[in-house]
Amino acid sequence: MAVLPNPDRVAVWAQWMQQNKEAVIGAMTKADLQAAVNALDDFLNTNATAINNAIPATARAALSTAQKAALLNYVIFRRWGAGV
């Protein structure tokens, strides 16, 4: 899987800014946030094989790529998005 196209990265950046207007403390700029989006997307692309291999074989074989991505999203949201 390739990194997100630039318009999709911009959409992530814009959505985050729209939904988190008061969540940033400090001197982070919009460019800094865009760099964070790009870095996370690059990291996920670089580590896609390791992430996939972390899923037990039975689930890895049964789940589609989209389902694996959704599952990863749920785990990440529960770990950090829910205030854990």
N, C-alpha and C. Protein backbone atom coordinates (compact mmCIF):
# COMPACT_ATOMS: atom_id res chain seq x y z
N MET A 1 0.85 -1.18 0.00
CA MET A 1 0.00 0.00 0.00
C MET A 1 0.89 1.24 0.00
N ALA A 2 0.54 2.20 -0.79
CA ALA A 2 1.32 3.43 -0.89
C ALA A 2 0.86 4.46 0.13
N VAL A 3 1.66 5.49 0.28
CA VAL A 3 1.26 6.60 1.15
C VAL A 3 0.03 7.28 0.55
N LEU A 4 -0.66 8.04 1.39
CA LEU A 4 -1.83 8.78 0.92
C LEU A 4 -1.43 9.81 -0.13
N PRO A 5 -2.26 10.00 -1.14
CA PRO A 5 -2.00 11.11 -2.07
C PRO A 5 -2.06 12.44 -1.31
N ASN A 6 -1.36 13.44 -1.80
CA ASN A 6 -1.30 14.72 -1.10
C ASN A 6 -2.68 15.30 -0.77
N PRO A 7 -3.67 15.24 -1.68
CA PRO A 7 -4.98 15.78 -1.30
C PRO A 7 -5.60 15.07 -0.08
N ASP A 8 -5.34 13.76 0.05
CA ASP A 8 -5.85 13.04 1.22
C ASP A 8 -5.10 13.43 2.49
N ARG A 9 -3.80 13.64 2.36
CA ARG A 9 -3.03 14.10 3.53
C ARG A 9 -3.53 15.48 3.97
N VAL A 10 -3.79 16.34 3.01
CA VAL A 10 -4.32 17.68 3.33
C VAL A 10 -5.70 17.55 3.98
N ALA A 11 -6.51 16.60 3.53
CA ALA A 11 -7.83 16.39 4.12
C ALA A 11 -7.72 15.94 5.58
N VAL A 12 -6.76 15.06 5.88
CA VAL A 12 -6.53 14.63 7.27
C VAL A 12 -6.13 15.83 8.11
N TRP A 13 -5.18 16.61 7.61
CA TRP A 13 -4.69 17.81 8.30
C TRP A 13 -5.83 18.78 8.56
N ALA A 14 -6.65 19.04 7.55
CA ALA A 14 -7.76 19.99 7.69
C ALA A 14 -8.82 19.46 8.66
N GLN A 15 -9.13 18.17 8.58
CA GLN A 15 -10.12 17.60 9.49
C GLN A 15 -9.64 17.68 10.93
N TRP A 16 -8.35 17.39 11.16
CA TRP A 16 -7.82 17.45 12.51
C TRP A 16 -7.92 18.86 13.06
N MET A 17 -7.56 19.85 12.24
CA MET A 17 -7.63 21.24 12.70
C MET A 17 -9.07 21.64 12.98
N GLN A 18 -10.00 21.20 12.15
CA GLN A 18 -11.40 21.57 12.34
C GLN A 18 -11.98 20.94 13.60
N GLN A 19 -11.61 19.71 13.89
CA GLN A 19 -12.19 18.99 15.03
C GLN A 19 -11.42 19.20 16.33
N ASN A 20 -10.26 19.79 16.27
CA ASN A 20 -9.41 19.94 17.46
C ASN A 20 -8.92 21.37 17.60
N LYS A 21 -9.81 22.30 17.57
CA LYS A 21 -9.44 23.72 17.58
C LYS A 21 -8.69 24.14 18.83
N GLU A 22 -8.97 23.51 19.95
CA GLU A 22 -8.32 23.92 21.20
C GLU A 22 -7.38 22.86 21.74
N ALA A 23 -7.09 21.84 20.94
CA ALA A 23 -6.32 20.71 21.44
C ALA A 23 -4.81 20.92 21.38
N VAL A 24 -4.33 21.92 20.66
CA VAL A 24 -2.89 22.13 20.52
C VAL A 24 -2.43 23.20 21.49
N ILE A 25 -1.43 22.84 22.28
CA ILE A 25 -0.85 23.78 23.23
C ILE A 25 0.60 23.99 22.80
N GLY A 26 1.03 25.21 22.78
CA GLY A 26 2.41 25.48 22.42
C GLY A 26 2.52 26.17 21.08
N ALA A 27 3.70 26.10 20.52
CA ALA A 27 4.02 26.89 19.33
C ALA A 27 3.97 26.07 18.05
N MET A 28 3.13 25.06 17.99
CA MET A 28 3.04 24.26 16.78
C MET A 28 2.31 25.05 15.70
N THR A 29 2.88 25.05 14.51
CA THR A 29 2.27 25.74 13.38
C THR A 29 1.46 24.76 12.53
N LYS A 30 0.72 25.31 11.57
CA LYS A 30 0.00 24.45 10.64
C LYS A 30 0.97 23.59 9.84
N ALA A 31 2.12 24.14 9.51
CA ALA A 31 3.15 23.38 8.80
C ALA A 31 3.67 22.23 9.65
N ASP A 32 3.81 22.46 10.96
CA ASP A 32 4.25 21.39 11.87
C ASP A 32 3.22 20.26 11.90
N LEU A 33 1.95 20.62 11.93
CA LEU A 33 0.90 19.62 11.93
C LEU A 33 0.90 18.84 10.61
N GLN A 34 1.07 19.54 9.49
CA GLN A 34 1.14 18.86 8.19
C GLN A 34 2.32 17.89 8.16
N ALA A 35 3.45 18.31 8.72
CA ALA A 35 4.63 17.43 8.78
C ALA A 35 4.33 16.19 9.64
N ALA A 36 3.56 16.35 10.70
CA ALA A 36 3.19 15.21 11.55
C ALA A 36 2.30 14.24 10.79
N VAL A 37 1.32 14.76 10.05
CA VAL A 37 0.46 13.91 9.23
C VAL A 37 1.31 13.12 8.23
N ASN A 38 2.19 13.82 7.54
CA ASN A 38 3.05 13.17 6.55
C ASN A 38 3.94 12.11 7.18
N ALA A 39 4.51 12.41 8.34
CA ALA A 39 5.41 11.48 9.01
C ALA A 39 4.67 10.22 9.45
N LEU A 40 3.47 10.39 10.00
CA LEU A 40 2.70 9.22 10.43
C LEU A 40 2.28 8.36 9.24
N ASP A 41 1.87 9.00 8.15
CA ASP A 41 1.51 8.26 6.95
C ASP A 41 2.72 7.51 6.41
N ASP A 42 3.88 8.17 6.37
CA ASP A 42 5.11 7.51 5.92
C ASP A 42 5.47 6.33 6.83
N PHE A 43 5.33 6.52 8.14
CA PHE A 43 5.63 5.46 9.10
C PHE A 43 4.73 4.25 8.87
N LEU A 44 3.43 4.49 8.71
CA LEU A 44 2.52 3.38 8.49
C LEU A 44 2.83 2.66 7.19
N ASN A 45 3.21 3.39 6.17
CA ASN A 45 3.58 2.78 4.90
C ASN A 45 4.85 1.93 5.06
N THR A 46 5.84 2.48 5.72
CA THR A 46 7.12 1.78 5.91
C THR A 46 6.94 0.53 6.77
N ASN A 47 6.04 0.57 7.73
CA ASN A 47 5.88 -0.52 8.69
C ASN A 47 4.65 -1.38 8.44
N ALA A 48 4.05 -1.27 7.25
CA ALA A 48 2.83 -2.03 6.94
C ALA A 48 3.04 -3.53 7.09
N THR A 49 4.18 -4.03 6.66
CA THR A 49 4.43 -5.47 6.75
C THR A 49 4.53 -5.90 8.21
N ALA A 50 5.22 -5.12 9.03
CA ALA A 50 5.34 -5.46 10.45
C ALA A 50 3.99 -5.42 11.14
N ILE A 51 3.17 -4.42 10.80
CA ILE A 51 1.83 -4.32 11.39
C ILE A 51 1.01 -5.53 10.98
N ASN A 52 1.04 -5.88 9.70
CA ASN A 52 0.30 -7.04 9.21
C ASN A 52 0.77 -8.32 9.89
N ASN A 53 2.08 -8.48 10.03
CA ASN A 53 2.63 -9.68 10.66
C ASN A 53 2.33 -9.77 12.14
N ALA A 54 1.99 -8.64 12.77
CA ALA A 54 1.64 -8.66 14.19
C ALA A 54 0.26 -9.27 14.43
N ILE A 55 -0.55 -9.32 13.39
CA ILE A 55 -1.89 -9.90 13.50
C ILE A 55 -1.76 -11.43 13.46
N PRO A 56 -2.38 -12.13 14.39
CA PRO A 56 -2.30 -13.60 14.36
C PRO A 56 -2.72 -14.15 12.99
N ALA A 57 -2.08 -15.26 12.59
CA ALA A 57 -2.23 -15.81 11.24
C ALA A 57 -3.67 -16.03 10.82
N THR A 58 -4.50 -16.57 11.69
CA THR A 58 -5.88 -16.86 11.31
C THR A 58 -6.62 -15.58 10.96
N ALA A 59 -6.49 -14.57 11.79
CA ALA A 59 -7.15 -13.29 11.52
C ALA A 59 -6.51 -12.61 10.32
N ARG A 60 -5.20 -12.70 10.21
CA ARG A 60 -4.50 -12.08 9.08
C ARG A 60 -5.00 -12.65 7.76
N ALA A 61 -5.26 -13.96 7.72
CA ALA A 61 -5.73 -14.60 6.50
C ALA A 61 -7.21 -14.29 6.23
N ALA A 62 -7.98 -14.12 7.28
CA ALA A 62 -9.43 -13.94 7.12
C ALA A 62 -9.84 -12.51 6.84
N LEU A 63 -9.09 -11.55 7.37
CA LEU A 63 -9.46 -10.15 7.24
C LEU A 63 -8.93 -9.55 5.94
N SER A 64 -9.72 -8.67 5.35
CA SER A 64 -9.26 -7.91 4.18
C SER A 64 -8.32 -6.80 4.66
N THR A 65 -7.63 -6.19 3.73
CA THR A 65 -6.76 -5.07 4.08
C THR A 65 -7.56 -3.96 4.73
N ALA A 66 -8.74 -3.66 4.19
CA ALA A 66 -9.59 -2.61 4.77
C ALA A 66 -10.04 -2.98 6.18
N GLN A 67 -10.36 -4.24 6.41
CA GLN A 67 -10.77 -4.67 7.75
C GLN A 67 -9.62 -4.59 8.74
N LYS A 68 -8.42 -4.92 8.30
CA LYS A 68 -7.24 -4.81 9.16
C LYS A 68 -7.00 -3.34 9.52
N ALA A 69 -7.14 -2.46 8.55
CA ALA A 69 -6.95 -1.03 8.80
C ALA A 69 -8.01 -0.52 9.78
N ALA A 70 -9.25 -0.96 9.62
CA ALA A 70 -10.31 -0.54 10.53
C ALA A 70 -10.03 -1.05 11.94
N LEU A 71 -9.57 -2.28 12.05
CA LEU A 71 -9.24 -2.84 13.36
C LEU A 71 -8.11 -2.06 14.02
N LEU A 72 -7.08 -1.73 13.25
CA LEU A 72 -5.99 -0.91 13.77
C LEU A 72 -6.52 0.43 14.25
N ASN A 73 -7.41 1.03 13.47
CA ASN A 73 -8.01 2.30 13.86
C ASN A 73 -8.75 2.18 15.19
N TYR A 74 -9.53 1.12 15.36
CA TYR A 74 -10.26 0.92 16.62
C TYR A 74 -9.30 0.79 17.80
N VAL A 75 -8.22 0.03 17.62
CA VAL A 75 -7.26 -0.16 18.71
C VAL A 75 -6.58 1.16 19.06
N ILE A 76 -6.15 1.90 18.04
CA ILE A 76 -5.50 3.19 18.29
C ILE A 76 -6.46 4.14 18.99
N PHE A 77 -7.70 4.21 18.50
CA PHE A 77 -8.66 5.11 19.12
C PHE A 77 -8.89 4.75 20.58
N ARG A 78 -9.02 3.47 20.86
CA ARG A 78 -9.26 3.03 22.25
C ARG A 78 -8.06 3.35 23.12
N ARG A 79 -6.86 3.16 22.59
CA ARG A 79 -5.65 3.41 23.40
C ARG A 79 -5.43 4.89 23.68
N TRP A 80 -5.61 5.75 22.67
CA TRP A 80 -5.26 7.15 22.83
C TRP A 80 -6.44 8.10 22.62
N GLY A 81 -7.28 7.82 21.68
CA GLY A 81 -8.38 8.73 21.36
C GLY A 81 -9.43 8.82 22.44
N ALA A 82 -9.56 7.78 23.23
CA ALA A 82 -10.57 7.77 24.27
C ALA A 82 -10.04 8.31 25.58
N GLY A 83 -8.86 8.92 25.55
CA GLY A 83 -8.29 9.54 26.75
C GLY A 83 -7.58 8.60 27.67
N VAL A 84 -7.17 7.44 27.16
CA VAL A 84 -6.45 6.46 27.99
C VAL A 84 -5.04 6.94 28.23
